[in-house]
Structures are given as structure tokens and as C-alpha cells.
Amino acid sequence: MTDTPARLLNLLSLLQTPREWPGSELAQRLDVSPRTIRRDIDRLRDLGYPVEATKGAVGGYRLVAGAAMPPLLLDDEEAVAIAVGLRAGAGHAIEGIEEASVRALAKLEQVLPSRLRPRVTALQSATVPLAQGDGAMIDPRTLTTIAGAATGRERLRFGYRARDGAESRRLVEPYRLVSTGRRWYLVAYDMEREDWRTFRVDRVSEPFATGARFAPRELPVNSAEQLFGHTRSAQQEHEVDVTFDAPAALVAAQLPRSLGTPAPTGEASCRVRARSTDSLEWLALRLSLVDCDFTVAGPPQLVAHMRELGARLTRSAGG
């Protein structure tokens, strides 16, 4: 790669991944010599990017937090606003952006100056989020710690609370974070049990990367199906059947994508039939936000939740 500006941008993109890069690996990725990498690192430092170098067998280069935001990125107010927004998106599993939020938040917090961190935390603690259906809230720092360890191929330690309440300490090789829309799961190789496991992230406490690197294991095909299938079967699935007294285009614009595309049943009506792992409480609330009349045919439990929600709203209005 002979185009210096393009090479610098590619180098910066690699360094923004939360891990340490050996110079030889960077040189191989960019198809240049280690000497060129050293010169490019110096150029990035001259531009204000805080690149730290460590020596030794596992040493390399890492982008760290600096005294100021690097040039041509964000000013202080923008950095704080984006960090708070990404934490909200990552911690509360907003549909469609949760995994991107974690990746972006991990990159931003990697270089966020220490003087801005208290402002981000203060704004985050001052906001009251809308609770999820099962009330499982996750600290975004837990997600970014796990994501950083998985990307950097570092072994991870954390406390874990099982379904029956039993507490344990785990040492794992993190493979991937999986979002099911309302919950996060970690797929990892458990070092003590010598087998692949899935962990609910809302039951993880005090995670930290140990700094010990590992060579990624190949996830067996049958294990992948079992592990990822477990995250789906761990949530109850509902057969949702709703008819709306409005055109399909209007309803589609107001419904979450997880419920699929409404099928027209007439010029001013449509029907939604979908499988959903969302809680019945959340489904009842979400359907009630659609700006038209509708009829819920199933499941029966959702019909009961809709009646209860309707009665509660009527009572609150003095009816």
C-alpha cells in the first residue's frame, strides 16, 4: 500500500480496535515493512493520536486515552453526548443498533479523555430508562469490557450468578456477544469446565480482561447450533396474531421490525402474524402505541394483558 493518507487511515482504523497490535501483524495487514509502520505511528502521534508502544514478546501498539480528543474527531460536548447515547443504546438493547452501539462505545471509550468520564457517568446516572419487560438491565461498561476482551483475544474473569442463584467465579476465552433483542449472551470457552458455555450478561459481575492472550479455538458446528439455539430457547416464544384497521404501510412504520411486515387484508386493513420472544407486557405496550384500532387474536395470554392494560388506563383516566 503506497498511498500514505489511505494507509494512515487504515492503520488508525486497526488501532481503534480495543486490543494491542504487534508491529509485525500491522505490517502484514497493510502490506508494508515494520519500518514503515514505525514511521506511520510517529505521523499519527504528530497528528495528536495517543499511540502507546510496549516492548516484549507480546508487546505492540495500542491507541490509549489522551489529554485531549484527537483532531478532526469530536469536541468535548459531542463526545459526551455520543457516549451517553451509545450507553443507552447498548445497555437497553434498542432494536437494530445494540451490537453496533457496543462496538462504537468500545472505540469511543478507548480514547475518551479522563476529564470527560465523570460527565458521561453523571448524565447516565441522572437518566431514568424505560425498564425492559423482564427488568434485566445491563451496565454498558460490562458489555464494552467483554467486547474488548473478545476482540483483543484476552481471557476474561468475572463473577456469575446461575439461574438458581448460585454464585461462582469464571475464567473464559470470550468468543462472541449475542443480542436477542431483549437480552445479551456471551458465548465463551470455560477454562475450568473445558467446554463451551453461554452466559447471560445481566448475571455477569465485575468482568475484567486478564491480559493473558489466547489463540481462538474453532467453535464446532454442532456446538454453535447448540449454543446459539440455547439463547433462543431460553426465552418463551409467542405466536402473535393481530389485525389492524389501517393500511399496511402506516402500521409498518409504527411497529418494531421484529414483528415482521404487515400483510394487507384490504385497502384500510392489515394483519401481522409473527413469532416473538418479547415479554407479553412489552408486546401489549408496543401494540397500544400504534395509532389505529386493532384486534388481538392470540396468544390468549397477550389478549389478557391487553385487557388488563386497557382497564388500568381507563381507571387512571377516572373511568
C-alpha atoms as a PDB file:
ATOM      1  CA  MET A   1       0.000   0.000   0.000  1.00  0.00           C
ATOM      2  CA  THR A   2       1.837   3.084  -1.268  1.00  0.00           C
ATOM      3  CA  ASP A   3      -0.862   5.738  -0.698  1.00  0.00           C
ATOM      4  CA  THR A   4       0.270   7.255   2.608  1.00  0.00           C
ATOM      5  CA  PRO A   5      -3.028   9.002   3.611  1.00  0.00           C
ATOM      6  CA  ALA A   6      -5.066   5.862   2.858  1.00  0.00           C
ATOM      7  CA  ARG A   7      -2.548   3.720   4.727  1.00  0.00           C
ATOM      8  CA  LEU A   8      -2.695   6.034   7.774  1.00  0.00           C
ATOM      9  CA  LEU A   9      -6.487   5.825   7.828  1.00  0.00           C
ATOM     10  CA  ASN A  10      -6.347   2.024   7.643  1.00  0.00           C
ATOM     11  CA  LEU A  11      -3.731   1.944  10.388  1.00  0.00           C
ATOM     12  CA  LEU A  12      -5.851   4.227  12.581  1.00  0.00           C
ATOM     13  CA  SER A  13      -8.897   2.038  11.974  1.00  0.00           C
ATOM     14  CA  LEU A  14      -6.973  -1.036  13.185  1.00  0.00           C
ATOM     15  CA  LEU A  15      -5.620   0.782  16.246  1.00  0.00           C
ATOM     16  CA  GLN A  16      -9.115   1.894  17.253  1.00  0.00           C
ATOM     17  CA  THR A  17      -9.987  -1.732  17.867  1.00  0.00           C
ATOM     18  CA  PRO A  18      -9.538  -2.237  21.648  1.00  0.00           C
ATOM     19  CA  ARG A  19      -6.507  -4.545  21.561  1.00  0.00           C
ATOM     20  CA  GLU A  20      -2.724  -4.377  21.262  1.00  0.00           C
ATOM     21  CA  TRP A  21      -1.288  -4.862  17.763  1.00  0.00           C
ATOM     22  CA  PRO A  22       2.224  -6.293  17.232  1.00  0.00           C
ATOM     23  CA  GLY A  23       4.164  -4.251  14.668  1.00  0.00           C
ATOM     24  CA  SER A  24       4.735  -7.339  12.517  1.00  0.00           C
ATOM     25  CA  GLU A  25       0.971  -8.015  12.337  1.00  0.00           C
ATOM     26  CA  LEU A  26       0.232  -4.413  11.365  1.00  0.00           C
ATOM     27  CA  ALA A  27       2.923  -4.586   8.676  1.00  0.00           C
ATOM     28  CA  GLN A  28       1.408  -7.785   7.313  1.00  0.00           C
ATOM     29  CA  ARG A  29      -2.129  -6.348   7.337  1.00  0.00           C
ATOM     30  CA  LEU A  30      -1.058  -3.209   5.458  1.00  0.00           C
ATOM     31  CA  ASP A  31       1.499  -4.958   3.231  1.00  0.00           C
ATOM     32  CA  VAL A  32       4.406  -2.693   4.252  1.00  0.00           C
ATOM     33  CA  SER A  33       7.639  -3.079   6.205  1.00  0.00           C
ATOM     34  CA  PRO A  34       7.862  -2.784  10.029  1.00  0.00           C
ATOM     35  CA  ARG A  35       9.986   0.329   9.485  1.00  0.00           C
ATOM     36  CA  THR A  36       7.116   1.962   7.552  1.00  0.00           C
ATOM     37  CA  ILE A  37       4.753   1.085  10.408  1.00  0.00           C
ATOM     38  CA  ARG A  38       7.054   2.834  12.891  1.00  0.00           C
ATOM     39  CA  ARG A  39       7.123   5.951  10.697  1.00  0.00           C
ATOM     40  CA  ASP A  40       3.335   5.914  10.333  1.00  0.00           C
ATOM     41  CA  ILE A  41       2.913   5.577  14.101  1.00  0.00           C
ATOM     42  CA  ASP A  42       5.073   8.686  14.531  1.00  0.00           C
ATOM     43  CA  ARG A  43       2.886  10.517  11.982  1.00  0.00           C
ATOM     44  CA  LEU A  44      -0.251   9.619  13.936  1.00  0.00           C
ATOM     45  CA  ARG A  45       1.340  10.874  17.142  1.00  0.00           C
ATOM     46  CA  ASP A  46       2.235  14.137  15.401  1.00  0.00           C
ATOM     47  CA  LEU A  47      -1.444  14.478  14.467  1.00  0.00           C
ATOM     48  CA  GLY A  48      -2.437  14.103  18.115  1.00  0.00           C
ATOM     49  CA  TYR A  49      -3.432  10.436  18.274  1.00  0.00           C
ATOM     50  CA  PRO A  50      -2.101   8.922  21.537  1.00  0.00           C
ATOM     51  CA  VAL A  51      -0.496   5.675  20.358  1.00  0.00           C
ATOM     52  CA  GLU A  52       1.301   3.772  23.118  1.00  0.00           C
ATOM     53  CA  ALA A  53       4.068   1.245  22.398  1.00  0.00           C
ATOM     54  CA  THR A  54       5.022  -1.634  24.704  1.00  0.00           C
ATOM     55  CA  LYS A  55       8.069  -3.845  24.479  1.00  0.00           C
ATOM     56  CA  GLY A  56       8.482  -7.567  24.960  1.00  0.00           C
ATOM     57  CA  ALA A  57       7.338 -10.788  23.333  1.00  0.00           C
ATOM     58  CA  VAL A  58       3.661  -9.762  23.436  1.00  0.00           C
ATOM     59  CA  GLY A  59       4.277  -6.027  23.037  1.00  0.00           C
ATOM     60  CA  GLY A  60       2.909  -3.824  20.323  1.00  0.00           C
ATOM     61  CA  TYR A  61       0.892  -0.669  19.671  1.00  0.00           C
ATOM     62  CA  ARG A  62      -2.358   0.440  21.256  1.00  0.00           C
ATOM     63  CA  LEU A  63      -4.451   3.598  20.987  1.00  0.00           C
ATOM     64  CA  VAL A  64      -4.978   4.962  24.515  1.00  0.00           C
ATOM     65  CA  ALA A  65      -6.852   7.813  26.173  1.00  0.00           C
ATOM     66  CA  GLY A  66      -5.041  11.123  25.759  1.00  0.00           C
ATOM     67  CA  ALA A  67      -5.095  14.552  27.321  1.00  0.00           C
ATOM     68  CA  ALA A  68      -7.443  15.771  24.570  1.00  0.00           C
ATOM     69  CA  MET A  69      -9.655  14.319  21.886  1.00  0.00           C
ATOM     70  CA  PRO A  70      -7.670  13.572  18.688  1.00  0.00           C
ATOM     71  CA  PRO A  71      -8.119  16.195  15.935  1.00  0.00           C
ATOM     72  CA  LEU A  72     -10.896  16.007  13.342  1.00  0.00           C
ATOM     73  CA  LEU A  73     -12.995  13.735  15.512  1.00  0.00           C
ATOM     74  CA  LEU A  74     -15.281  15.197  18.202  1.00  0.00           C
ATOM     75  CA  ASP A  75     -15.304  18.172  20.527  1.00  0.00           C
ATOM     76  CA  ASP A  76     -15.956  17.659  24.248  1.00  0.00           C
ATOM     77  CA  GLU A  77     -19.725  18.233  24.101  1.00  0.00           C
ATOM     78  CA  GLU A  78     -20.139  15.919  21.123  1.00  0.00           C
ATOM     79  CA  ALA A  79     -18.031  13.208  22.757  1.00  0.00           C
ATOM     80  CA  VAL A  80     -20.099  13.314  25.967  1.00  0.00           C
ATOM     81  CA  ALA A  81     -23.405  13.320  24.064  1.00  0.00           C
ATOM     82  CA  ILE A  82     -22.413  10.393  21.857  1.00  0.00           C
ATOM     83  CA  ALA A  83     -21.040   8.357  24.782  1.00  0.00           C
ATOM     84  CA  VAL A  84     -24.284   8.784  26.741  1.00  0.00           C
ATOM     85  CA  GLY A  85     -26.381   7.905  23.698  1.00  0.00           C
ATOM     86  CA  LEU A  86     -24.318   4.827  22.914  1.00  0.00           C
ATOM     87  CA  ARG A  87     -24.508   3.648  26.516  1.00  0.00           C
ATOM     88  CA  ALA A  88     -28.285   3.911  26.346  1.00  0.00           C
ATOM     89  CA  GLY A  89     -28.398   2.014  23.052  1.00  0.00           C
ATOM     90  CA  ALA A  90     -26.054  -0.703  24.292  1.00  0.00           C
ATOM     91  CA  GLY A  91     -27.458  -1.123  27.789  1.00  0.00           C
ATOM     92  CA  HIS A  92     -31.127  -1.276  26.880  1.00  0.00           C
ATOM     93  CA  ALA A  93     -30.950  -3.324  23.660  1.00  0.00           C
ATOM     94  CA  ILE A  94     -32.602  -0.834  21.320  1.00  0.00           C
ATOM     95  CA  GLU A  95     -33.682  -2.894  18.329  1.00  0.00           C
ATOM     96  CA  GLY A  96     -31.308  -2.921  15.390  1.00  0.00           C
ATOM     97  CA  ILE A  97     -28.463  -0.871  16.895  1.00  0.00           C
ATOM     98  CA  GLU A  98     -27.435  -2.746  20.034  1.00  0.00           C
ATOM     99  CA  GLU A  99     -24.358  -4.564  18.657  1.00  0.00           C
ATOM    100  CA  ALA A 100     -23.194  -1.523  16.683  1.00  0.00           C
ATOM    101  CA  SER A 101     -23.613   0.563  19.856  1.00  0.00           C
ATOM    102  CA  VAL A 102     -21.292  -1.735  21.798  1.00  0.00           C
ATOM    103  CA  ARG A 103     -18.616  -1.665  19.086  1.00  0.00           C
ATOM    104  CA  ALA A 104     -18.785   2.115  18.740  1.00  0.00           C
ATOM    105  CA  LEU A 105     -18.849   2.654  22.514  1.00  0.00           C
ATOM    106  CA  ALA A 106     -15.779   0.446  22.987  1.00  0.00           C
ATOM    107  CA  LYS A 107     -13.887   2.541  20.418  1.00  0.00           C
ATOM    108  CA  LEU A 108     -15.007   5.863  21.885  1.00  0.00           C
ATOM    109  CA  GLU A 109     -14.237   4.984  25.499  1.00  0.00           C
ATOM    110  CA  GLN A 110     -10.827   3.750  24.385  1.00  0.00           C
ATOM    111  CA  VAL A 111      -9.771   7.349  23.650  1.00  0.00           C
ATOM    112  CA  LEU A 112     -12.181   9.359  25.829  1.00  0.00           C
ATOM    113  CA  PRO A 113     -10.119  11.771  27.987  1.00  0.00           C
ATOM    114  CA  SER A 114     -10.343  11.060  31.715  1.00  0.00           C
ATOM    115  CA  ARG A 115     -11.664  14.566  32.418  1.00  0.00           C
ATOM    116  CA  LEU A 116     -14.804  13.786  30.386  1.00  0.00           C
ATOM    117  CA  ARG A 117     -15.613  10.445  32.014  1.00  0.00           C
ATOM    118  CA  PRO A 118     -17.272  11.914  35.175  1.00  0.00           C
ATOM    119  CA  ARG A 119     -19.602  13.991  32.970  1.00  0.00           C
ATOM    120  CA  VAL A 120     -20.659  10.920  30.988  1.00  0.00           C
ATOM    121  CA  THR A 121     -21.281   8.936  34.200  1.00  0.00           C
ATOM    122  CA  ALA A 122     -23.216  11.807  35.815  1.00  0.00           C
ATOM    123  CA  LEU A 123     -25.506  12.212  32.809  1.00  0.00           C
ATOM    124  CA  GLN A 124     -26.042   8.453  32.564  1.00  0.00           C
ATOM    125  CA  SER A 125     -26.984   8.159  36.262  1.00  0.00           C
ATOM    126  CA  ALA A 126     -29.334  11.125  36.017  1.00  0.00           C
ATOM    127  CA  THR A 127     -31.444   9.448  33.332  1.00  0.00           C
ATOM    128  CA  VAL A 128     -34.272   7.074  34.186  1.00  0.00           C
ATOM    129  CA  PRO A 129     -34.546   4.404  31.481  1.00  0.00           C
ATOM    130  CA  LEU A 130     -37.742   2.619  30.493  1.00  0.00           C
ATOM    131  CA  ALA A 131     -37.351  -0.853  32.004  1.00  0.00           C
ATOM    132  CA  GLN A 132     -37.389  -3.890  29.747  1.00  0.00           C
ATOM    133  CA  GLY A 133     -40.107  -6.456  30.019  1.00  0.00           C
ATOM    134  CA  ASP A 134     -38.114  -8.747  32.304  1.00  0.00           C
ATOM    135  CA  GLY A 135     -36.354  -5.875  34.118  1.00  0.00           C
ATOM    136  CA  ALA A 136     -32.895  -7.139  33.130  1.00  0.00           C
ATOM    137  CA  MET A 137     -30.709  -4.023  32.941  1.00  0.00           C
ATOM    138  CA  ILE A 138     -27.021  -4.172  31.956  1.00  0.00           C
ATOM    139  CA  ASP A 139     -24.210  -1.766  32.740  1.00  0.00           C
ATOM    140  CA  PRO A 140     -22.786  -0.758  29.319  1.00  0.00           C
ATOM    141  CA  ARG A 141     -19.286  -0.932  30.836  1.00  0.00           C
ATOM    142  CA  THR A 142     -19.834  -4.669  31.301  1.00  0.00           C
ATOM    143  CA  LEU A 143     -20.606  -5.001  27.588  1.00  0.00           C
ATOM    144  CA  THR A 144     -17.623  -2.928  26.464  1.00  0.00           C
ATOM    145  CA  THR A 145     -15.255  -4.856  28.769  1.00  0.00           C
ATOM    146  CA  ILE A 146     -16.469  -8.173  27.358  1.00  0.00           C
ATOM    147  CA  ALA A 147     -16.399  -6.878  23.765  1.00  0.00           C
ATOM    148  CA  GLY A 148     -12.856  -5.552  24.227  1.00  0.00           C
ATOM    149  CA  ALA A 149     -11.642  -8.878  25.627  1.00  0.00           C
ATOM    150  CA  ALA A 150     -13.289 -10.830  22.798  1.00  0.00           C
ATOM    151  CA  THR A 151     -11.816  -8.552  20.130  1.00  0.00           C
ATOM    152  CA  GLY A 152      -8.374  -8.451  21.743  1.00  0.00           C
ATOM    153  CA  ARG A 153      -8.408 -12.222  22.383  1.00  0.00           C
ATOM    154  CA  GLU A 154      -7.764 -11.810  26.111  1.00  0.00           C
ATOM    155  CA  ARG A 155      -9.001 -14.231  28.733  1.00  0.00           C
ATOM    156  CA  LEU A 156     -11.793 -12.828  30.867  1.00  0.00           C
ATOM    157  CA  ARG A 157     -12.604 -13.269  34.569  1.00  0.00           C
ATOM    158  CA  PHE A 158     -15.993 -12.445  36.094  1.00  0.00           C
ATOM    159  CA  GLY A 159     -18.480 -13.384  38.773  1.00  0.00           C
ATOM    160  CA  TYR A 160     -21.572 -15.247  37.614  1.00  0.00           C
ATOM    161  CA  ARG A 161     -24.975 -15.869  39.179  1.00  0.00           C
ATOM    162  CA  ALA A 162     -26.694 -19.009  37.887  1.00  0.00           C
ATOM    163  CA  ARG A 163     -30.462 -19.402  37.428  1.00  0.00           C
ATOM    164  CA  ASP A 164     -30.792 -20.967  40.897  1.00  0.00           C
ATOM    165  CA  GLY A 165     -28.878 -18.062  42.486  1.00  0.00           C
ATOM    166  CA  ALA A 166     -25.579 -19.947  42.952  1.00  0.00           C
ATOM    167  CA  GLU A 167     -22.537 -17.635  42.703  1.00  0.00           C
ATOM    168  CA  SER A 168     -19.269 -18.661  41.028  1.00  0.00           C
ATOM    169  CA  ARG A 169     -16.098 -17.172  39.509  1.00  0.00           C
ATOM    170  CA  ARG A 170     -15.360 -17.949  35.867  1.00  0.00           C
ATOM    171  CA  LEU A 171     -12.269 -17.782  33.667  1.00  0.00           C
ATOM    172  CA  VAL A 172     -13.158 -17.922  29.985  1.00  0.00           C
ATOM    173  CA  GLU A 173     -11.936 -17.295  26.476  1.00  0.00           C
ATOM    174  CA  PRO A 174     -14.651 -14.926  25.159  1.00  0.00           C
ATOM    175  CA  TYR A 175     -15.825 -15.753  21.657  1.00  0.00           C
ATOM    176  CA  ARG A 176     -18.794 -13.515  20.843  1.00  0.00           C
ATOM    177  CA  LEU A 177     -21.558 -11.341  22.307  1.00  0.00           C
ATOM    178  CA  VAL A 178     -25.026 -12.254  21.055  1.00  0.00           C
ATOM    179  CA  SER A 179     -28.049  -9.945  21.300  1.00  0.00           C
ATOM    180  CA  THR A 180     -31.530 -11.467  21.133  1.00  0.00           C
ATOM    181  CA  GLY A 181     -33.217  -8.061  21.228  1.00  0.00           C
ATOM    182  CA  ARG A 182     -34.154  -8.072  24.937  1.00  0.00           C
ATOM    183  CA  ARG A 183     -31.128  -9.888  26.399  1.00  0.00           C
ATOM    184  CA  TRP A 184     -27.382 -10.220  25.844  1.00  0.00           C
ATOM    185  CA  TYR A 185     -25.459 -13.504  25.952  1.00  0.00           C
ATOM    186  CA  LEU A 186     -21.734 -14.247  25.983  1.00  0.00           C
ATOM    187  CA  VAL A 187     -20.543 -17.327  24.099  1.00  0.00           C
ATOM    188  CA  ALA A 188     -17.199 -18.421  25.565  1.00  0.00           C
ATOM    189  CA  TYR A 189     -14.916 -21.359  26.251  1.00  0.00           C
ATOM    190  CA  ASP A 190     -14.931 -22.071  30.011  1.00  0.00           C
ATOM    191  CA  MET A 191     -11.350 -22.875  31.056  1.00  0.00           C
ATOM    192  CA  GLU A 192     -12.218 -24.789  34.244  1.00  0.00           C
ATOM    193  CA  ARG A 193     -15.058 -26.817  32.724  1.00  0.00           C
ATOM    194  CA  GLU A 194     -13.100 -27.330  29.487  1.00  0.00           C
ATOM    195  CA  ASP A 195     -16.179 -26.808  27.342  1.00  0.00           C
ATOM    196  CA  TRP A 196     -18.169 -24.124  25.512  1.00  0.00           C
ATOM    197  CA  ARG A 197     -20.781 -22.232  27.535  1.00  0.00           C
ATOM    198  CA  THR A 198     -23.290 -19.383  27.168  1.00  0.00           C
ATOM    199  CA  PHE A 199     -23.667 -16.780  29.925  1.00  0.00           C
ATOM    200  CA  ARG A 200     -26.462 -14.261  30.398  1.00  0.00           C
ATOM    201  CA  VAL A 201     -24.660 -10.930  30.575  1.00  0.00           C
ATOM    202  CA  ASP A 202     -27.132  -9.456  33.074  1.00  0.00           C
ATOM    203  CA  ARG A 203     -25.906 -12.144  35.508  1.00  0.00           C
ATOM    204  CA  VAL A 204     -22.217 -11.257  34.962  1.00  0.00           C
ATOM    205  CA  SER A 205     -20.485  -9.090  37.589  1.00  0.00           C
ATOM    206  CA  GLU A 206     -17.074  -7.386  37.797  1.00  0.00           C
ATOM    207  CA  PRO A 207     -15.664  -8.592  34.465  1.00  0.00           C
ATOM    208  CA  PHE A 208     -12.035  -7.777  33.696  1.00  0.00           C
ATOM    209  CA  ALA A 209      -9.604  -8.773  30.969  1.00  0.00           C
ATOM    210  CA  THR A 210      -6.652 -10.638  32.485  1.00  0.00           C
ATOM    211  CA  GLY A 211      -4.153  -9.593  29.811  1.00  0.00           C
ATOM    212  CA  ALA A 212      -3.424 -13.252  29.012  1.00  0.00           C
ATOM    213  CA  ARG A 213      -3.788 -13.795  25.269  1.00  0.00           C
ATOM    214  CA  PHE A 214      -5.262 -16.905  23.697  1.00  0.00           C
ATOM    215  CA  ALA A 215      -5.353 -18.424  20.244  1.00  0.00           C
ATOM    216  CA  PRO A 216      -9.005 -18.571  19.099  1.00  0.00           C
ATOM    217  CA  ARG A 217     -10.488 -22.065  19.172  1.00  0.00           C
ATOM    218  CA  GLU A 218     -12.678 -23.240  16.344  1.00  0.00           C
ATOM    219  CA  LEU A 219     -16.267 -23.362  17.503  1.00  0.00           C
ATOM    220  CA  PRO A 220     -17.562 -26.835  16.491  1.00  0.00           C
ATOM    221  CA  VAL A 221     -20.548 -26.684  14.159  1.00  0.00           C
ATOM    222  CA  ASN A 222     -22.734 -28.798  16.432  1.00  0.00           C
ATOM    223  CA  SER A 223     -21.685 -26.719  19.439  1.00  0.00           C
ATOM    224  CA  ALA A 224     -22.502 -23.484  17.566  1.00  0.00           C
ATOM    225  CA  GLU A 225     -26.013 -24.726  16.801  1.00  0.00           C
ATOM    226  CA  GLN A 226     -26.474 -25.839  20.407  1.00  0.00           C
ATOM    227  CA  LEU A 227     -25.070 -22.659  21.951  1.00  0.00           C
ATOM    228  CA  PHE A 228     -26.894 -20.168  19.743  1.00  0.00           C
ATOM    229  CA  GLY A 229     -30.023 -22.303  19.851  1.00  0.00           C
ATOM    230  CA  HIS A 230     -29.868 -22.130  23.647  1.00  0.00           C
ATOM    231  CA  THR A 231     -30.122 -18.341  23.581  1.00  0.00           C
ATOM    232  CA  ARG A 232     -33.311 -18.636  21.558  1.00  0.00           C
ATOM    233  CA  SER A 233     -34.893 -21.441  23.572  1.00  0.00           C
ATOM    234  CA  ALA A 234     -34.046 -19.681  26.852  1.00  0.00           C
ATOM    235  CA  GLN A 235     -36.864 -17.230  26.043  1.00  0.00           C
ATOM    236  CA  GLN A 236     -40.511 -18.190  25.717  1.00  0.00           C
ATOM    237  CA  GLU A 237     -41.778 -17.779  22.169  1.00  0.00           C
ATOM    238  CA  HIS A 238     -45.245 -16.400  21.408  1.00  0.00           C
ATOM    239  CA  GLU A 239     -47.391 -16.730  18.272  1.00  0.00           C
ATOM    240  CA  VAL A 240     -48.647 -13.163  17.781  1.00  0.00           C
ATOM    241  CA  ASP A 241     -51.732 -12.616  15.612  1.00  0.00           C
ATOM    242  CA  VAL A 242     -53.083  -9.049  15.308  1.00  0.00           C
ATOM    243  CA  THR A 243     -55.425  -7.364  12.812  1.00  0.00           C
ATOM    244  CA  PHE A 244     -55.153  -3.579  12.353  1.00  0.00           C
ATOM    245  CA  ASP A 245     -57.803  -1.197  10.979  1.00  0.00           C
ATOM    246  CA  ALA A 246     -55.260   0.789   8.973  1.00  0.00           C
ATOM    247  CA  PRO A 247     -53.205   0.399   5.776  1.00  0.00           C
ATOM    248  CA  ALA A 248     -50.183  -1.875   5.985  1.00  0.00           C
ATOM    249  CA  ALA A 249     -47.719   0.961   5.249  1.00  0.00           C
ATOM    250  CA  LEU A 250     -48.987   3.033   8.189  1.00  0.00           C
ATOM    251  CA  VAL A 251     -48.788   0.098  10.604  1.00  0.00           C
ATOM    252  CA  ALA A 252     -45.335  -0.997   9.368  1.00  0.00           C
ATOM    253  CA  ALA A 253     -43.939   2.462  10.130  1.00  0.00           C
ATOM    254  CA  GLN A 254     -45.046   2.167  13.774  1.00  0.00           C
ATOM    255  CA  LEU A 255     -44.230  -1.454  14.570  1.00  0.00           C
ATOM    256  CA  PRO A 256     -40.790  -2.894  15.517  1.00  0.00           C
ATOM    257  CA  ARG A 257     -39.088  -4.839  12.743  1.00  0.00           C
ATOM    258  CA  SER A 258     -39.002  -7.961  14.940  1.00  0.00           C
ATOM    259  CA  LEU A 259     -42.744  -8.421  14.280  1.00  0.00           C
ATOM    260  CA  GLY A 260     -42.198  -8.580  10.536  1.00  0.00           C
ATOM    261  CA  THR A 261     -44.095  -6.852   7.730  1.00  0.00           C
ATOM    262  CA  PRO A 262     -47.890  -6.441   7.975  1.00  0.00           C
ATOM    263  CA  ALA A 263     -49.813  -8.253   5.241  1.00  0.00           C
ATOM    264  CA  PRO A 264     -52.587  -6.171   3.618  1.00  0.00           C
ATOM    265  CA  THR A 265     -56.091  -7.636   4.054  1.00  0.00           C
ATOM    266  CA  GLY A 266     -57.846  -4.700   2.362  1.00  0.00           C
ATOM    267  CA  GLU A 267     -57.292  -1.081   1.397  1.00  0.00           C
ATOM    268  CA  ALA A 268     -57.529   0.054   5.030  1.00  0.00           C
ATOM    269  CA  SER A 269     -56.634  -3.078   6.999  1.00  0.00           C
ATOM    270  CA  CYS A 270     -53.746  -5.475   7.517  1.00  0.00           C
ATOM    271  CA  ARG A 271     -52.658  -8.432   9.628  1.00  0.00           C
ATOM    272  CA  VAL A 272     -49.481  -9.287  11.495  1.00  0.00           C
ATOM    273  CA  ARG A 273     -48.602 -12.896  12.297  1.00  0.00           C
ATOM    274  CA  ALA A 274     -45.194 -13.433  13.859  1.00  0.00           C
ATOM    275  CA  ARG A 275     -43.191 -15.410  16.381  1.00  0.00           C
ATOM    276  CA  SER A 276     -41.835 -13.216  19.169  1.00  0.00           C
ATOM    277  CA  THR A 277     -39.658 -13.807  22.236  1.00  0.00           C
ATOM    278  CA  ASP A 278     -40.506 -10.390  23.676  1.00  0.00           C
ATOM    279  CA  SER A 279     -42.322 -10.272  27.000  1.00  0.00           C
ATOM    280  CA  LEU A 280     -46.119 -10.098  26.925  1.00  0.00           C
ATOM    281  CA  GLU A 281     -46.037  -6.838  28.890  1.00  0.00           C
ATOM    282  CA  TRP A 282     -43.750  -5.208  26.296  1.00  0.00           C
ATOM    283  CA  LEU A 283     -45.840  -6.528  23.377  1.00  0.00           C
ATOM    284  CA  ALA A 284     -49.051  -5.156  24.923  1.00  0.00           C
ATOM    285  CA  LEU A 285     -47.456  -1.744  25.448  1.00  0.00           C
ATOM    286  CA  ARG A 286     -45.869  -1.679  21.979  1.00  0.00           C
ATOM    287  CA  LEU A 287     -49.106  -2.592  20.196  1.00  0.00           C
ATOM    288  CA  SER A 288     -51.017   0.071  22.109  1.00  0.00           C
ATOM    289  CA  LEU A 289     -48.701   2.724  20.624  1.00  0.00           C
ATOM    290  CA  VAL A 290     -49.912   2.011  17.074  1.00  0.00           C
ATOM    291  CA  ASP A 291     -52.221   4.871  16.061  1.00  0.00           C
ATOM    292  CA  CYS A 292     -55.266   2.870  14.971  1.00  0.00           C
ATOM    293  CA  ASP A 293     -57.817   0.334  16.218  1.00  0.00           C
ATOM    294  CA  PHE A 294     -56.707  -3.296  16.253  1.00  0.00           C
ATOM    295  CA  THR A 295     -57.819  -6.736  17.406  1.00  0.00           C
ATOM    296  CA  VAL A 296     -55.513  -9.260  19.093  1.00  0.00           C
ATOM    297  CA  ALA A 297     -56.443 -12.837  18.180  1.00  0.00           C
ATOM    298  CA  GLY A 298     -53.580 -14.516  20.008  1.00  0.00           C
ATOM    299  CA  PRO A 299     -51.922 -15.699  22.018  1.00  0.00           C
ATOM    300  CA  PRO A 300     -54.567 -15.838  24.791  1.00  0.00           C
ATOM    301  CA  GLN A 301     -52.059 -14.550  27.368  1.00  0.00           C
ATOM    302  CA  LEU A 302     -51.483 -11.425  25.255  1.00  0.00           C
ATOM    303  CA  VAL A 303     -55.233 -10.872  24.998  1.00  0.00           C
ATOM    304  CA  ALA A 304     -55.399 -10.990  28.806  1.00  0.00           C
ATOM    305  CA  HIS A 305     -52.525  -8.488  29.094  1.00  0.00           C
ATOM    306  CA  MET A 306     -54.260  -6.123  26.657  1.00  0.00           C
ATOM    307  CA  ARG A 307     -57.481  -6.280  28.719  1.00  0.00           C
ATOM    308  CA  GLU A 308     -55.565  -5.604  31.925  1.00  0.00           C
ATOM    309  CA  LEU A 309     -53.681  -2.689  30.328  1.00  0.00           C
ATOM    310  CA  GLY A 310     -56.931  -1.236  28.955  1.00  0.00           C
ATOM    311  CA  ALA A 311     -58.653  -1.479  32.325  1.00  0.00           C
ATOM    312  CA  ARG A 312     -55.703   0.174  34.052  1.00  0.00           C
ATOM    313  CA  LEU A 313     -55.646   3.059  31.574  1.00  0.00           C
ATOM    314  CA  THR A 314     -59.409   3.510  31.964  1.00  0.00           C
ATOM    315  CA  ARG A 315     -59.106   3.642  35.756  1.00  0.00           C
ATOM    316  CA  SER A 316     -56.248   6.147  35.527  1.00  0.00           C
ATOM    317  CA  ALA A 317     -58.494   8.439  33.468  1.00  0.00           C
ATOM    318  CA  GLY A 318     -61.238   8.277  36.082  1.00  0.00           C
ATOM    319  CA  GLY A 319     -63.415   5.883  34.092  1.00  0.00           C
END
